[in-house]
Structures are given as C-alpha cells and as structure tokens.
Amino acid sequence: MTGPYAVPVPKGYRVGVWEVREPIATGAFGSVYTARRVGGSTALPPTAALKFLPTGTATPRRLAHLRELIEREVELYRRLTHPRLVRMFETLTVDDPDRPELDGATVLVLERAEGSLSALLAATARPAAGPALLAQICEGLAQLHDAGWVHGDLKPANVLLMADGSVRLADFNMSAELEGTHAYTPAFSTPDYTPPDLLWGEIGERGRRIRPSADVWAFGVLAHLVLTGSFPLPGATPAARRDAAAAYARGTDDLRLSPELPDAWRQIITACLSRTHRERISGRALLRRVEAAAGTGHHPFRLPRPRTVRRPGRMPLAALVAAATTALAALAYGVGVWAGGAPGGTGSGSGASAHVSAAAYGASELRTDRGIPPAYRLLIVETAHDCDREEVTPVLIAAMLKVESDFDPDLADPARDEYGIARWTPRVLRWWMNEDGTPGETVPEPPFPPAESIPAMGRYLCWIAPRLDSGLPGDRRVLVATAYRRSYRTVNKAGGVPPQDRPYADRIAHYLQEYGPTGGR
C-alpha cells in the first residue's frame, strides 16, 4: 500500500473468509477495500467491500467518537434489511498482535457497489435515467422513515449504484432512530443538503435534534441537481448557497428553481424545500408523487463508459476517470476520500498493493493536506503530465482551479459567460475540448464536468506557455496562469503581469506555495 491510509491493509491479507484486494479509498477514521471470498458459506457473495475502522488503536477520545459512529451504522444495518438500503453481511474484529496498526480493528463487510450518484453526475450531468433514479432514492427514504429512522446525510455521495442498475442508500454514520418526533445526530453535516432550520439550530449534549423533514429537504436539493445539473439555491460555493438558504428561510428571498424543471417535478421540489419543516411534504406522500412523476417501473441504468484514450506509459483517460469515479463511490461507504496529511504508514509483506488511492495519487507533486479535492487529484496530475512544458505542473493546475472556482464543478457566472471548475467560456472551450487538437463541431453547452474541463485547461496552458516572451520577469507559472485569464498577447504587451491582474496573480502565487509538496515547486 502506498499513501497515507488511515488503516493500511496489504493486498492478500485475510480477514475471516475474505481476502483483501484493491483499495477503494480512505478516510480520516477508516479505509475501504475490495475483497473476494476465499471460503465459507456460499450464502455470502463472491465479492464485497471491507470497511476497516481502527477501533483497537485510537486515542480514548477519538475511540469514543468512532465507536459511537460505528454503533449507529451497525445498529441500523442489523435491524433494517430493506431492498433500497445497502446490505451489511457481517462484522469482524481483526485479531493480529503482530500488526498493531490492524489489531483490534472493526471490519464491516458491505455490498460492493459499481459506483455512486456523485460519480454518475460528474460524468453525465442530468442523466436520462434521473427520474427513475430519484424514485428509487425516495423509496429508500420511505423505508427508513417507516422504520422510525432518519438518514441525516442524504447526498449524491451516499447513494450507491449497483451492478444491476439499482440504487442503494448508504453511509448511516449520521443516521438516528426517532424518539417521538425527533432523533439526535452528531453536530456536523453537509451544508448544501441541510435545511436552514438546522444550519443554525441549537446543539445540545446529545447532538443536534433532527426530523425526517431534514431528509425531505435533502431530497429536494438532490432532485434539482439530478434533473437540472444545478443547485436550487444560488451561489458558486457552499458558503454562498448556505447564505442564500438563510435568506430564503427568513423570507427575504424567493425560491428560484430552474426553468428546465417539468411542472410535476417543480411542484415536488417546491414541496420539499418549504421554508419551515412543518410545511414540508411527508415521506410517503412524497414517494407517491415522485413515482407518478417518474412513471411506472424502475428502469435500470449504468455508469457511462468514458472514451478510452491510450498513451504510451501513461494511464488511459478512461482508467483515470474510472479511478476518480471509484474514489467518489467510496464516499458512500461512510469513509470519505481523505485529503489529510497524517501518516497512515505503508503496508508490508509480499502481497502489498501497487495501487494508489485517488486521495494520495501524486503526493510527491501535490500536498495532500491543503484542501485539494481528492476526486480531482488524478485528473490534475495526469493533465499536467500530458504537457511537456516545465511551467505546466500539477501545482499550477491545482492553484488555478482553486482561484478560478474554489474547485466548484457547478460554478455558473452567466454575466461573464463562464462555467464549471475551470471557468470556461463555451466558445473558447470549443477549441480545447478534443484531445486530438481539433475544435468541437459545435459550441458546447454548460455544465462542463471536471473530466472535460480540467484536461482542456491543461491543453490550453500547454499551448500558452511557449507563446510567452522568454524575458518576462517573475514566476513563469504565474505568467501562464495570467495569460489563461487574459491572453498571452496581453501579458507580452505588458511585459509581465498587467497591474489590473496583480490580485489574481498574487492569489495564484499564494496557492503555488500552498499546494507544492515542499511549500513550493
């Protein structure tokens, strides 16, 4: 195993009847691996996902918190076996004193997924199967609510797509059983999917009080994202959308849903996103309306297969995107791809894996503890490697994505006609969207997924770099970034960074230092 894994497990390691294979991803508290069954009952599936949680080696405070999260998840798995909830086959405890980093770890044996809704949306905005997908998600919510539980963290990363095209809800760390009208969950969540009444709600000793209506709000946000490719509340960042949610809850701003929504879905999402929890539609009523809007039957769907582009000695783009997809899918197992810098150690033994997680990929070129989203690391590093210019580095591309969009794949700035993680203007993107160097046949329409935007940025930077005058003062990477924002002719004419672009250039320079593996290049 290479990279900072929270629980490093060598390939070939045996736990019960399971043999660890490739890593999927890691989180601050645990790591997920694929596994195959090498014995035991044939009632168990041939493959599974193993979630390792270091319950034997944590500090007391961390251990207490971790055990609470595990207990929530295991309790729900043991009591609920509904078809729209991911299955847990068994729990195991590692007994291996010779491996102190593993000894005592709890292992959850879970259904192995094909991908996640996050991965699907990253590859295909507004998927054609969106209504059928939403019907299955809503069915899962209804199953949870009818059983007296609240999910507490519904979002695309926590929706698994199975090999047969069906949907499972997953990641029940934040789930809680109702005590009357409320449940209690830990005091953290994903802001984009949290209703405004909880964003600033009071947090007591038992955590935050939550109702099923919080899941209904999250479903409304998720449905708008699936059907339109955008969030229902305005803003280029989660913080901006959080502020918009507060203004909406106060009544100082109205809900402005996308005009692309069909009427039936507009009514459903409006009912989900009512200002107060009392006004929101209930779970079963929501399911009836969603099933009617989606039509009869649940039609299966599959993750799109990216076009394969092979390069000698280089990871094919299809494999690159698939690896990023796997990293996104891992979020739904309740681990989350971790960009933290705490050392996880390396596996030992002859069976150690040569695979590298998306979170740790390119660690020799990019810091792993400075907020670069792990799902984009593969794209960033491989995009830079595809250019033979010294100036075009992974650090430069990461710094530019931070400054351009704060890594927001859904950025939309119609006033400037700029969209996506790299702030592409559609008519400019047309010239850089194809790998063979030919322009697109038509002007593309937003949204522009990262798998398209980031490689296009790299091609454009590689074209810009040799066109900058050789004698210009300053860091060539900063000059290349400025030329991306302005033009290489403007930078050449100004003899360097134009005065009006100095704030932009200074931010680029800051993140070049921030993201460099040793604080610089």
Protein backbone atom coordinates (compact mmCIF):
# COMPACT_ATOMS: atom_id res chain seq x y z
CA MET A 1 0.00 0.00 0.00
CA THR A 2 1.26 3.43 -0.95
CA GLY A 3 -0.04 6.65 0.52
CA PRO A 4 -1.42 7.94 3.82
CA TYR A 5 -4.08 5.31 4.55
CA ALA A 6 -5.87 5.53 7.89
CA VAL A 7 -5.86 1.73 8.07
CA PRO A 8 -3.18 0.31 5.71
CA VAL A 9 -4.02 -3.26 4.72
CA PRO A 10 -1.75 -5.20 2.34
CA LYS A 11 -3.21 -6.90 -0.69
CA GLY A 12 -3.82 -10.57 0.06
CA TYR A 13 -4.48 -10.01 3.78
CA ARG A 14 -7.12 -12.40 5.17
CA VAL A 15 -9.96 -11.38 7.48
CA GLY A 16 -12.36 -14.21 8.16
CA VAL A 17 -13.26 -15.72 4.80
CA TRP A 18 -12.30 -12.53 2.95
CA GLU A 19 -9.09 -11.74 1.07
CA VAL A 20 -8.29 -8.06 0.65
CA ARG A 21 -7.76 -6.95 -2.92
CA GLU A 22 -7.53 -3.39 -4.30
CA PRO A 23 -8.05 -0.26 -2.18
CA ILE A 24 -11.09 1.87 -2.90
CA ALA A 25 -10.33 4.90 -0.72
CA THR A 26 -9.53 6.09 2.78
CA GLY A 27 -10.96 8.49 5.31
CA ALA A 28 -9.77 10.14 8.49
CA PHE A 29 -11.05 7.21 10.57
CA GLY A 30 -11.17 4.23 8.22
CA SER A 31 -10.32 2.70 4.85
CA VAL A 32 -12.32 0.69 2.30
CA TYR A 33 -11.00 -2.18 0.17
CA THR A 34 -12.48 -4.57 -2.33
CA ALA A 35 -12.36 -8.20 -1.22
CA ARG A 36 -13.12 -11.66 -2.52
CA ARG A 37 -14.49 -14.60 -0.61
CA VAL A 38 -12.00 -17.46 -0.39
CA GLY A 39 -14.07 -19.89 1.66
CA GLY A 40 -17.01 -20.02 3.99
CA SER A 41 -20.70 -20.18 3.23
CA THR A 42 -21.85 -19.76 -0.34
CA ALA A 43 -24.66 -17.66 1.09
CA LEU A 44 -22.09 -14.86 1.20
CA PRO A 45 -21.40 -13.04 -2.08
CA PRO A 46 -18.18 -13.75 -4.02
CA THR A 47 -17.03 -10.12 -3.63
CA ALA A 48 -17.65 -7.38 -1.08
CA ALA A 49 -16.38 -4.04 0.21
CA LEU A 50 -14.49 -4.20 3.51
CA LYS A 51 -14.58 -1.10 5.68
CA PHE A 52 -11.72 -1.16 8.22
CA LEU A 53 -12.15 1.02 11.31
CA PRO A 54 -9.19 1.23 13.75
CA THR A 55 -11.14 0.61 16.94
CA GLY A 56 -8.17 -1.09 18.60
CA THR A 57 -5.52 1.62 18.26
CA ALA A 58 -7.19 5.04 18.57
CA THR A 59 -6.78 7.54 21.39
CA PRO A 60 -9.56 7.36 24.05
CA ARG A 61 -11.37 10.48 22.81
CA ARG A 62 -11.13 9.51 19.18
CA LEU A 63 -12.09 5.93 20.06
CA ALA A 64 -15.27 7.00 21.87
CA HIS A 65 -16.35 9.14 18.93
CA LEU A 66 -15.53 6.42 16.42
CA ARG A 67 -17.39 3.78 18.39
CA GLU A 68 -20.48 5.98 18.50
CA LEU A 69 -20.47 6.36 14.72
CA ILE A 70 -19.88 2.63 14.21
CA GLU A 71 -22.63 1.70 16.65
CA ARG A 72 -25.12 3.88 14.78
CA GLU A 73 -24.26 2.30 11.47
CA VAL A 74 -24.12 -1.31 12.69
CA GLU A 75 -27.37 -0.98 14.62
CA LEU A 76 -29.21 0.22 11.53
CA TYR A 77 -27.68 -2.49 9.33
CA ARG A 78 -28.68 -5.21 11.79
CA ARG A 79 -32.26 -4.03 12.21
CA LEU A 80 -33.14 -2.89 8.69
CA THR A 81 -32.76 -5.07 5.60
CA HIS A 82 -34.84 -3.17 3.08
CA PRO A 83 -34.05 -3.52 -0.64
CA ARG A 84 -33.09 0.14 -1.12
CA LEU A 85 -30.56 0.18 1.73
CA VAL A 86 -27.04 -1.15 1.25
CA ARG A 87 -26.59 -4.51 2.96
CA MET A 88 -24.08 -5.44 5.64
CA PHE A 89 -23.25 -9.15 5.56
CA GLU A 90 -21.25 -9.40 8.79
CA THR A 91 -18.94 -7.58 11.18
CA LEU A 92 -15.49 -8.88 12.08
CA THR A 93 -12.73 -7.95 14.50
CA VAL A 94 -9.09 -8.28 13.49
CA ASP A 95 -7.01 -10.37 15.91
CA ASP A 96 -3.41 -9.84 14.80
CA PRO A 97 -0.97 -8.69 17.55
CA ASP A 98 1.88 -8.84 15.02
CA ARG A 99 0.23 -5.95 13.14
CA PRO A 100 -0.53 -3.33 15.80
CA GLU A 101 -1.95 -0.96 13.17
CA LEU A 102 -4.63 -3.57 12.38
CA ASP A 103 -5.05 -5.42 15.66
CA GLY A 104 -8.49 -4.80 17.14
CA ALA A 105 -9.86 -3.07 14.02
CA THR A 106 -13.57 -3.45 13.31
CA VAL A 107 -14.40 -4.61 9.79
CA LEU A 108 -17.80 -4.07 8.17
CA VAL A 109 -18.46 -6.42 5.24
CA LEU A 110 -20.74 -4.49 2.89
CA GLU A 111 -22.29 -4.89 -0.52
CA ARG A 112 -19.88 -3.91 -3.24
CA ALA A 113 -21.18 -1.10 -5.44
CA GLU A 114 -20.48 -0.31 -9.07
CA GLY A 115 -20.28 3.42 -8.42
CA SER A 116 -22.13 6.31 -6.80
CA LEU A 117 -24.51 9.05 -7.81
CA SER A 118 -21.65 11.53 -7.34
CA ALA A 119 -19.64 9.67 -9.96
CA LEU A 120 -22.59 9.46 -12.32
CA LEU A 121 -23.26 13.20 -12.09
CA ALA A 122 -19.57 14.02 -12.53
CA ALA A 123 -19.53 12.00 -15.74
CA THR A 124 -23.02 12.86 -17.03
CA ALA A 125 -24.90 15.95 -15.90
CA ARG A 126 -28.67 15.49 -15.97
CA PRO A 127 -28.62 11.72 -16.65
CA ALA A 128 -31.54 10.47 -18.74
CA ALA A 129 -32.42 7.92 -16.06
CA GLY A 130 -32.65 10.67 -13.43
CA PRO A 131 -36.40 10.32 -12.70
CA ALA A 132 -36.15 6.53 -12.25
CA LEU A 133 -33.09 7.02 -10.05
CA LEU A 134 -34.91 9.56 -7.89
CA ALA A 135 -37.87 7.20 -7.47
CA GLN A 136 -35.57 4.54 -6.03
CA ILE A 137 -33.85 7.04 -3.72
CA CYS A 138 -37.22 8.24 -2.47
CA GLU A 139 -38.30 4.63 -1.92
CA GLY A 140 -35.22 4.11 0.26
CA LEU A 141 -36.06 7.21 2.30
CA ALA A 142 -39.62 5.99 2.79
CA GLN A 143 -38.29 2.62 4.01
CA LEU A 144 -36.05 4.38 6.53
CA HIS A 145 -38.75 6.74 7.78
CA ASP A 146 -41.36 3.98 8.06
CA ALA A 147 -38.90 2.04 10.23
CA GLY A 148 -38.51 5.07 12.51
CA TRP A 149 -35.07 6.25 11.36
CA VAL A 150 -33.67 9.45 9.84
CA HIS A 151 -30.76 9.22 7.39
CA GLY A 152 -29.27 12.57 8.37
CA ASP A 153 -26.79 12.93 5.49
CA LEU A 154 -28.54 12.27 2.19
CA LYS A 155 -26.42 13.49 -0.73
CA PRO A 156 -25.15 12.07 -4.06
CA ALA A 157 -22.04 10.56 -2.48
CA ASN A 158 -24.24 8.46 -0.19
CA VAL A 159 -26.28 6.93 -3.00
CA LEU A 160 -24.73 3.76 -4.38
CA LEU A 161 -25.29 2.43 -7.89
CA MET A 162 -25.22 -1.35 -8.04
CA ALA A 163 -24.08 -3.62 -10.87
CA ASP A 164 -27.69 -4.41 -11.85
CA GLY A 165 -28.53 -0.72 -12.23
CA SER A 166 -30.46 -0.44 -8.95
CA VAL A 167 -29.93 2.11 -6.18
CA ARG A 168 -28.96 1.73 -2.52
CA LEU A 169 -28.80 4.35 0.20
CA ALA A 170 -25.60 4.11 2.23
CA ASP A 171 -23.43 5.77 4.91
CA PHE A 172 -25.51 5.60 8.06
CA ASN A 173 -22.98 7.20 10.41
CA MET A 174 -25.30 10.16 10.88
CA SER A 175 -28.49 8.10 11.00
CA ALA A 176 -30.54 8.01 14.17
CA GLU A 177 -33.68 6.34 15.47
CA LEU A 178 -36.63 8.62 16.18
CA GLU A 179 -37.67 9.27 19.76
CA GLY A 180 -41.15 10.53 19.10
CA THR A 181 -40.88 13.29 16.51
CA HIS A 182 -37.10 13.81 16.76
CA ALA A 183 -33.82 11.99 16.65
CA TYR A 184 -30.34 13.12 17.71
CA THR A 185 -27.29 13.14 15.43
CA PRO A 186 -23.69 14.38 15.70
CA ALA A 187 -23.23 18.10 15.23
CA PHE A 188 -21.97 18.12 11.65
CA SER A 189 -23.46 17.63 8.19
CA THR A 190 -23.13 18.64 4.53
CA PRO A 191 -24.33 22.27 4.25
CA ASP A 192 -25.70 22.04 0.69
CA TYR A 193 -28.18 19.35 1.79
CA THR A 194 -29.00 20.64 5.28
CA PRO A 195 -32.26 22.59 5.72
CA PRO A 196 -31.85 26.15 7.00
CA ASP A 197 -33.69 25.33 10.24
CA LEU A 198 -30.78 23.00 11.13
CA LEU A 199 -27.84 25.00 9.80
CA TRP A 200 -28.02 27.32 12.79
CA GLY A 201 -30.05 25.09 15.11
CA GLU A 202 -29.15 24.60 18.74
CA ILE A 203 -26.76 21.73 19.52
CA GLY A 204 -27.21 20.01 22.86
CA GLU A 205 -25.26 17.40 24.79
CA ARG A 206 -26.77 14.60 22.70
CA GLY A 207 -26.05 16.39 19.43
CA ARG A 208 -28.45 18.06 17.08
CA ARG A 209 -32.19 17.37 17.03
CA ILE A 210 -33.32 16.25 13.59
CA ARG A 211 -36.63 15.30 11.99
CA PRO A 212 -37.46 13.23 8.88
CA SER A 213 -38.23 16.55 7.19
CA ALA A 214 -34.45 17.14 7.01
CA ASP A 215 -34.16 14.15 4.65
CA VAL A 216 -37.06 15.54 2.61
CA TRP A 217 -35.22 18.86 2.18
CA ALA A 218 -32.07 16.99 1.16
CA PHE A 219 -34.06 15.00 -1.39
CA GLY A 220 -35.41 18.22 -2.91
CA VAL A 221 -31.88 19.59 -3.33
CA LEU A 222 -30.66 16.29 -4.75
CA ALA A 223 -33.59 16.03 -7.19
CA HIS A 224 -32.95 19.54 -8.52
CA LEU A 225 -29.27 18.69 -9.01
CA VAL A 226 -30.06 15.42 -10.84
CA LEU A 227 -32.71 16.93 -13.12
CA THR A 228 -31.05 20.27 -13.94
CA GLY A 229 -27.36 19.92 -13.14
CA SER A 230 -27.51 22.82 -10.65
CA PHE A 231 -28.37 23.51 -7.04
CA PRO A 232 -31.77 25.10 -6.31
CA LEU A 233 -30.26 27.94 -4.29
CA PRO A 234 -27.89 30.42 -5.97
CA GLY A 235 -24.18 30.66 -5.25
CA ALA A 236 -20.86 29.47 -6.65
CA THR A 237 -19.72 27.92 -3.35
CA PRO A 238 -21.37 26.00 -0.49
CA ALA A 239 -20.91 29.05 1.75
CA ALA A 240 -22.73 31.30 -0.73
CA ARG A 241 -25.55 28.77 -1.10
CA ARG A 242 -25.78 28.47 2.68
CA ASP A 243 -26.27 32.25 2.90
CA ALA A 244 -28.91 32.03 0.17
CA ALA A 245 -30.71 29.33 2.18
CA ALA A 246 -30.73 31.62 5.21
CA ALA A 247 -32.18 34.49 3.16
CA TYR A 248 -34.84 32.16 1.77
CA ALA A 249 -35.75 30.89 5.25
CA ARG A 250 -36.06 34.46 6.52
CA GLY A 251 -38.44 35.27 3.68
CA THR A 252 -36.16 37.93 2.20
CA ASP A 253 -35.58 35.89 -0.95
CA ASP A 254 -37.75 33.57 -3.01
CA LEU A 255 -37.00 30.08 -4.24
CA ARG A 256 -35.93 30.37 -7.88
CA LEU A 257 -35.96 26.91 -9.39
CA SER A 258 -34.53 26.14 -12.81
CA PRO A 259 -36.90 26.82 -15.74
CA GLU A 260 -35.83 23.42 -17.14
CA LEU A 261 -37.84 21.57 -14.47
CA PRO A 262 -41.03 19.84 -15.70
CA ASP A 263 -44.11 21.07 -13.86
CA ALA A 264 -44.62 17.86 -11.87
CA TRP A 265 -41.05 17.91 -10.58
CA ARG A 266 -41.23 21.65 -9.90
CA GLN A 267 -44.18 21.04 -7.59
CA ILE A 268 -42.41 18.15 -5.86
CA ILE A 269 -39.18 20.06 -5.25
CA THR A 270 -41.09 23.13 -4.05
CA ALA A 271 -42.94 20.93 -1.54
CA CYS A 272 -39.61 19.50 -0.33
CA LEU A 273 -37.95 22.89 0.01
CA SER A 274 -40.58 24.66 2.07
CA ARG A 275 -39.17 27.32 4.37
CA THR A 276 -40.11 25.51 7.58
CA HIS A 277 -40.15 21.84 8.48
CA ARG A 278 -43.89 21.98 9.23
CA GLU A 279 -44.70 22.85 5.63
CA ARG A 280 -42.63 20.08 4.00
CA ILE A 281 -44.29 17.11 2.42
CA SER A 282 -44.07 13.83 4.34
CA GLY A 283 -42.13 10.77 3.19
CA ARG A 284 -44.94 8.52 1.88
CA ALA A 285 -46.81 11.37 0.20
CA LEU A 286 -43.53 12.39 -1.39
CA LEU A 287 -42.95 8.85 -2.66
CA ARG A 288 -46.38 8.70 -4.31
CA ARG A 289 -45.79 11.97 -6.14
CA VAL A 290 -42.24 11.04 -7.17
CA GLU A 291 -43.34 7.66 -8.53
CA ALA A 292 -46.11 9.35 -10.51
CA ALA A 293 -43.69 11.91 -11.95
CA ALA A 294 -41.10 9.25 -12.78
CA GLY A 295 -43.63 6.96 -14.48
CA THR A 296 -44.30 3.32 -13.74
CA GLY A 297 -41.43 0.95 -13.18
CA HIS A 298 -37.81 1.49 -12.21
CA HIS A 299 -35.68 1.35 -15.30
CA PRO A 300 -32.08 0.28 -14.68
CA PHE A 301 -29.20 2.48 -15.67
CA ARG A 302 -25.45 2.16 -15.73
CA LEU A 303 -22.48 4.44 -15.29
CA PRO A 304 -21.32 5.75 -18.70
CA ARG A 305 -18.09 4.33 -20.00
CA PRO A 306 -15.63 7.15 -20.78
CA ARG A 307 -13.92 7.07 -24.16
CA THR A 308 -10.59 5.30 -23.87
CA VAL A 309 -7.53 7.28 -24.91
CA ARG A 310 -4.27 5.35 -24.64
CA ARG A 311 -0.89 6.97 -24.17
CA PRO A 312 2.39 5.08 -24.06
CA GLY A 313 3.47 4.66 -20.44
CA ARG A 314 0.52 6.74 -19.25
CA MET A 315 -2.74 5.87 -17.53
CA PRO A 316 -5.55 5.87 -20.17
CA LEU A 317 -8.11 8.60 -19.66
CA ALA A 318 -10.86 6.01 -19.24
CA ALA A 319 -8.91 4.40 -16.40
CA LEU A 320 -8.16 7.83 -14.96
CA VAL A 321 -11.82 8.85 -14.85
CA ALA A 322 -12.77 5.38 -13.59
CA ALA A 323 -10.29 5.74 -10.74
CA ALA A 324 -11.73 9.11 -9.80
CA THR A 325 -15.19 7.52 -10.03
CA THR A 326 -14.09 4.80 -7.62
CA ALA A 327 -12.86 7.43 -5.20
CA LEU A 328 -16.22 9.18 -5.34
CA ALA A 329 -18.06 5.89 -4.89
CA ALA A 330 -16.08 5.24 -1.73
CA LEU A 331 -17.68 8.24 -0.08
CA ALA A 332 -20.92 6.28 0.10
CA TYR A 333 -19.38 3.65 2.37
CA GLY A 334 -19.17 6.26 5.13
CA VAL A 335 -15.41 6.75 4.88
CA GLY A 336 -14.92 9.66 2.53
CA VAL A 337 -11.79 10.10 0.47
CA TRP A 338 -9.37 11.75 2.87
CA ALA A 339 -7.05 14.57 1.95
CA GLY A 340 -5.50 14.73 5.41
CA GLY A 341 -1.77 14.61 5.89
CA ALA A 342 -1.49 12.38 8.96
CA PRO A 343 0.70 9.46 8.09
CA GLY A 344 -1.07 6.15 7.74
CA GLY A 345 2.02 4.06 7.22
CA THR A 346 2.68 1.63 4.42
CA GLY A 347 1.68 -1.97 4.15
CA SER A 348 4.28 -4.67 4.41
CA GLY A 349 4.64 -8.15 3.04
CA SER A 350 4.91 -9.64 -0.40
CA GLY A 351 1.28 -9.02 -1.16
CA ALA A 352 1.42 -5.24 -0.83
CA SER A 353 -0.67 -3.47 -3.45
CA ALA A 354 0.87 -1.31 -6.12
CA HIS A 355 -2.36 0.66 -6.48
CA VAL A 356 -2.55 4.21 -5.14
CA SER A 357 -5.71 5.86 -3.87
CA ALA A 358 -7.04 8.93 -5.61
CA ALA A 359 -6.52 10.80 -2.32
CA ALA A 360 -2.80 10.04 -2.29
CA TYR A 361 -2.12 9.97 -6.02
CA GLY A 362 0.68 12.36 -6.98
CA ALA A 363 1.64 13.04 -3.35
CA SER A 364 5.22 13.71 -4.47
CA GLU A 365 3.91 16.62 -6.56
CA LEU A 366 0.91 17.94 -4.61
CA ARG A 367 0.28 18.38 -0.90
CA THR A 368 -2.40 16.01 0.39
CA ASP A 369 -3.33 18.17 3.38
CA ARG A 370 -4.21 21.50 1.81
CA GLY A 371 -7.78 21.05 0.59
CA ILE A 372 -7.31 19.85 -2.98
CA PRO A 373 -10.39 17.63 -3.51
CA PRO A 374 -9.13 14.03 -3.72
CA ALA A 375 -11.53 13.16 -6.55
CA TYR A 376 -9.67 15.60 -8.86
CA ARG A 377 -6.08 14.67 -8.00
CA LEU A 378 -5.79 12.06 -10.74
CA LEU A 379 -7.13 14.45 -13.37
CA ILE A 380 -4.87 17.27 -12.19
CA VAL A 381 -1.66 15.23 -12.12
CA GLU A 382 -2.24 13.34 -15.36
CA THR A 383 -3.34 16.52 -17.16
CA ALA A 384 -0.06 18.20 -16.20
CA HIS A 385 1.94 15.13 -17.24
CA ASP A 386 0.35 15.27 -20.68
CA CYS A 387 2.13 18.58 -21.32
CA ASP A 388 5.89 18.61 -21.90
CA ARG A 389 6.25 22.20 -20.69
CA GLU A 390 8.12 22.74 -17.41
CA GLU A 391 5.75 25.52 -16.41
CA VAL A 392 2.61 23.36 -16.60
CA THR A 393 2.74 21.43 -13.33
CA PRO A 394 0.11 19.75 -11.14
CA VAL A 395 0.64 22.52 -8.60
CA LEU A 396 -0.14 25.18 -11.21
CA ILE A 397 -3.34 23.47 -12.33
CA ALA A 398 -4.48 22.94 -8.73
CA ALA A 399 -3.75 26.58 -7.86
CA MET A 400 -5.66 27.81 -10.88
CA LEU A 401 -8.70 25.64 -10.15
CA LYS A 402 -8.71 26.99 -6.61
CA VAL A 403 -8.53 30.62 -7.73
CA GLU A 404 -10.89 30.25 -10.68
CA SER A 405 -13.72 28.39 -8.95
CA ASP A 406 -12.69 27.18 -5.48
CA PHE A 407 -12.89 23.69 -7.06
CA ASP A 408 -16.63 24.13 -7.64
CA PRO A 409 -17.70 21.94 -10.62
CA ASP A 410 -21.11 23.64 -10.66
CA LEU A 411 -19.85 27.22 -10.93
CA ALA A 412 -22.06 29.35 -13.14
CA ASP A 413 -21.29 33.01 -13.87
CA PRO A 414 -23.67 33.98 -16.72
CA ALA A 415 -22.63 37.64 -16.53
CA ARG A 416 -19.16 36.60 -17.72
CA ASP A 417 -20.41 33.56 -19.65
CA GLU A 418 -18.09 31.32 -17.58
CA TYR A 419 -18.95 27.89 -16.21
CA GLY A 420 -17.53 24.91 -14.39
CA ILE A 421 -14.44 24.19 -12.33
CA ALA A 422 -12.09 25.90 -14.82
CA ARG A 423 -14.42 28.85 -15.63
CA TRP A 424 -14.69 28.05 -19.30
CA THR A 425 -16.43 30.34 -21.75
CA PRO A 426 -18.29 27.91 -24.07
CA ARG A 427 -16.98 29.40 -27.32
CA VAL A 428 -13.39 29.19 -26.01
CA LEU A 429 -13.77 25.68 -24.60
CA ARG A 430 -14.84 24.52 -28.05
CA TRP A 431 -11.24 24.87 -29.26
CA TRP A 432 -9.69 22.82 -26.45
CA MET A 433 -12.25 20.12 -25.66
CA ASN A 434 -10.89 17.42 -28.02
CA GLU A 435 -7.71 15.50 -27.26
CA ASP A 436 -6.69 15.31 -30.90
CA GLY A 437 -6.38 19.11 -31.05
CA THR A 438 -9.37 19.67 -33.30
CA PRO A 439 -12.12 22.08 -32.21
CA GLY A 440 -15.56 20.81 -31.31
CA GLU A 441 -18.09 20.77 -34.10
CA THR A 442 -20.47 22.94 -32.11
CA VAL A 443 -20.19 25.33 -29.18
CA PRO A 444 -20.66 23.17 -26.04
CA GLU A 445 -23.37 23.95 -23.53
CA PRO A 446 -22.77 24.06 -19.76
CA PRO A 447 -22.48 22.45 -17.32
CA PHE A 448 -18.94 21.30 -18.09
CA PRO A 449 -17.87 18.29 -15.95
CA PRO A 450 -14.36 18.27 -14.44
CA ALA A 451 -13.39 15.27 -16.60
CA GLU A 452 -13.81 17.61 -19.59
CA SER A 453 -12.83 20.97 -18.09
CA ILE A 454 -9.55 20.04 -16.40
CA PRO A 455 -7.86 18.28 -19.37
CA ALA A 456 -8.99 21.14 -21.61
CA MET A 457 -7.35 23.61 -19.22
CA GLY A 458 -4.11 21.63 -19.45
CA ARG A 459 -4.15 21.66 -23.26
CA TYR A 460 -4.74 25.41 -23.31
CA LEU A 461 -1.95 26.09 -20.78
CA CYS A 462 0.43 23.91 -22.80
CA TRP A 463 -0.38 26.00 -25.88
CA ILE A 464 0.07 29.29 -24.00
CA ALA A 465 3.43 28.53 -22.34
CA PRO A 466 5.72 28.69 -25.43
CA ARG A 467 3.97 31.82 -26.67
CA LEU A 468 5.00 33.95 -23.71
CA ASP A 469 8.12 36.01 -24.29
CA SER A 470 11.22 34.41 -22.78
CA GLY A 471 12.46 37.53 -20.98
CA LEU A 472 9.38 38.28 -18.90
CA PRO A 473 10.09 38.83 -15.18
CA GLY A 474 8.54 36.69 -12.47
CA ASP A 475 7.44 33.10 -11.98
CA ARG A 476 6.64 31.58 -15.38
CA ARG A 477 3.77 29.60 -13.85
CA VAL A 478 2.12 32.80 -12.62
CA LEU A 479 2.56 34.34 -16.08
CA VAL A 480 0.96 31.29 -17.71
CA ALA A 481 -2.00 31.49 -15.33
CA THR A 482 -2.43 35.21 -16.01
CA ALA A 483 -2.37 34.55 -19.74
CA TYR A 484 -5.13 31.96 -19.24
CA ARG A 485 -7.26 34.60 -17.56
CA ARG A 486 -6.37 37.37 -20.03
CA SER A 487 -4.35 36.29 -23.09
CA TYR A 488 -0.70 35.66 -23.83
CA ARG A 489 -0.64 38.76 -26.05
CA THR A 490 -1.82 40.95 -23.15
CA VAL A 491 0.90 39.58 -20.86
CA ASN A 492 3.60 40.01 -23.52
CA LYS A 493 2.48 43.56 -24.27
CA ALA A 494 2.50 44.49 -20.56
CA GLY A 495 5.97 43.00 -20.12
CA GLY A 496 4.66 40.72 -17.36
CA VAL A 497 1.57 40.65 -15.18
CA PRO A 498 -0.63 43.67 -16.03
CA PRO A 499 -1.29 45.90 -12.99
CA GLN A 500 -5.02 45.19 -13.05
CA ASP A 501 -4.32 41.45 -12.84
CA ARG A 502 -1.93 41.65 -9.90
CA PRO A 503 -4.55 40.49 -7.30
CA TYR A 504 -5.28 37.41 -9.42
CA ALA A 505 -1.57 36.70 -9.91
CA ASP A 506 -0.89 37.11 -6.19
CA ARG A 507 -3.55 34.54 -5.35
CA ILE A 508 -2.07 32.12 -7.86
CA ALA A 509 1.39 32.63 -6.32
CA HIS A 510 -0.04 32.01 -2.85
CA TYR A 511 -1.55 28.64 -3.82
CA LEU A 512 1.55 27.63 -5.72
CA GLN A 513 3.30 27.81 -2.37
CA GLU A 514 0.37 26.27 -0.51
CA TYR A 515 0.00 23.21 -2.75
CA GLY A 516 3.64 22.48 -3.54
CA PRO A 517 4.83 19.25 -1.85
CA THR A 518 7.61 21.12 -0.03
CA GLY A 519 5.97 24.51 0.14
CA GLY A 520 7.00 25.47 -3.39
CA ARG A 521 7.75 23.65 -6.60
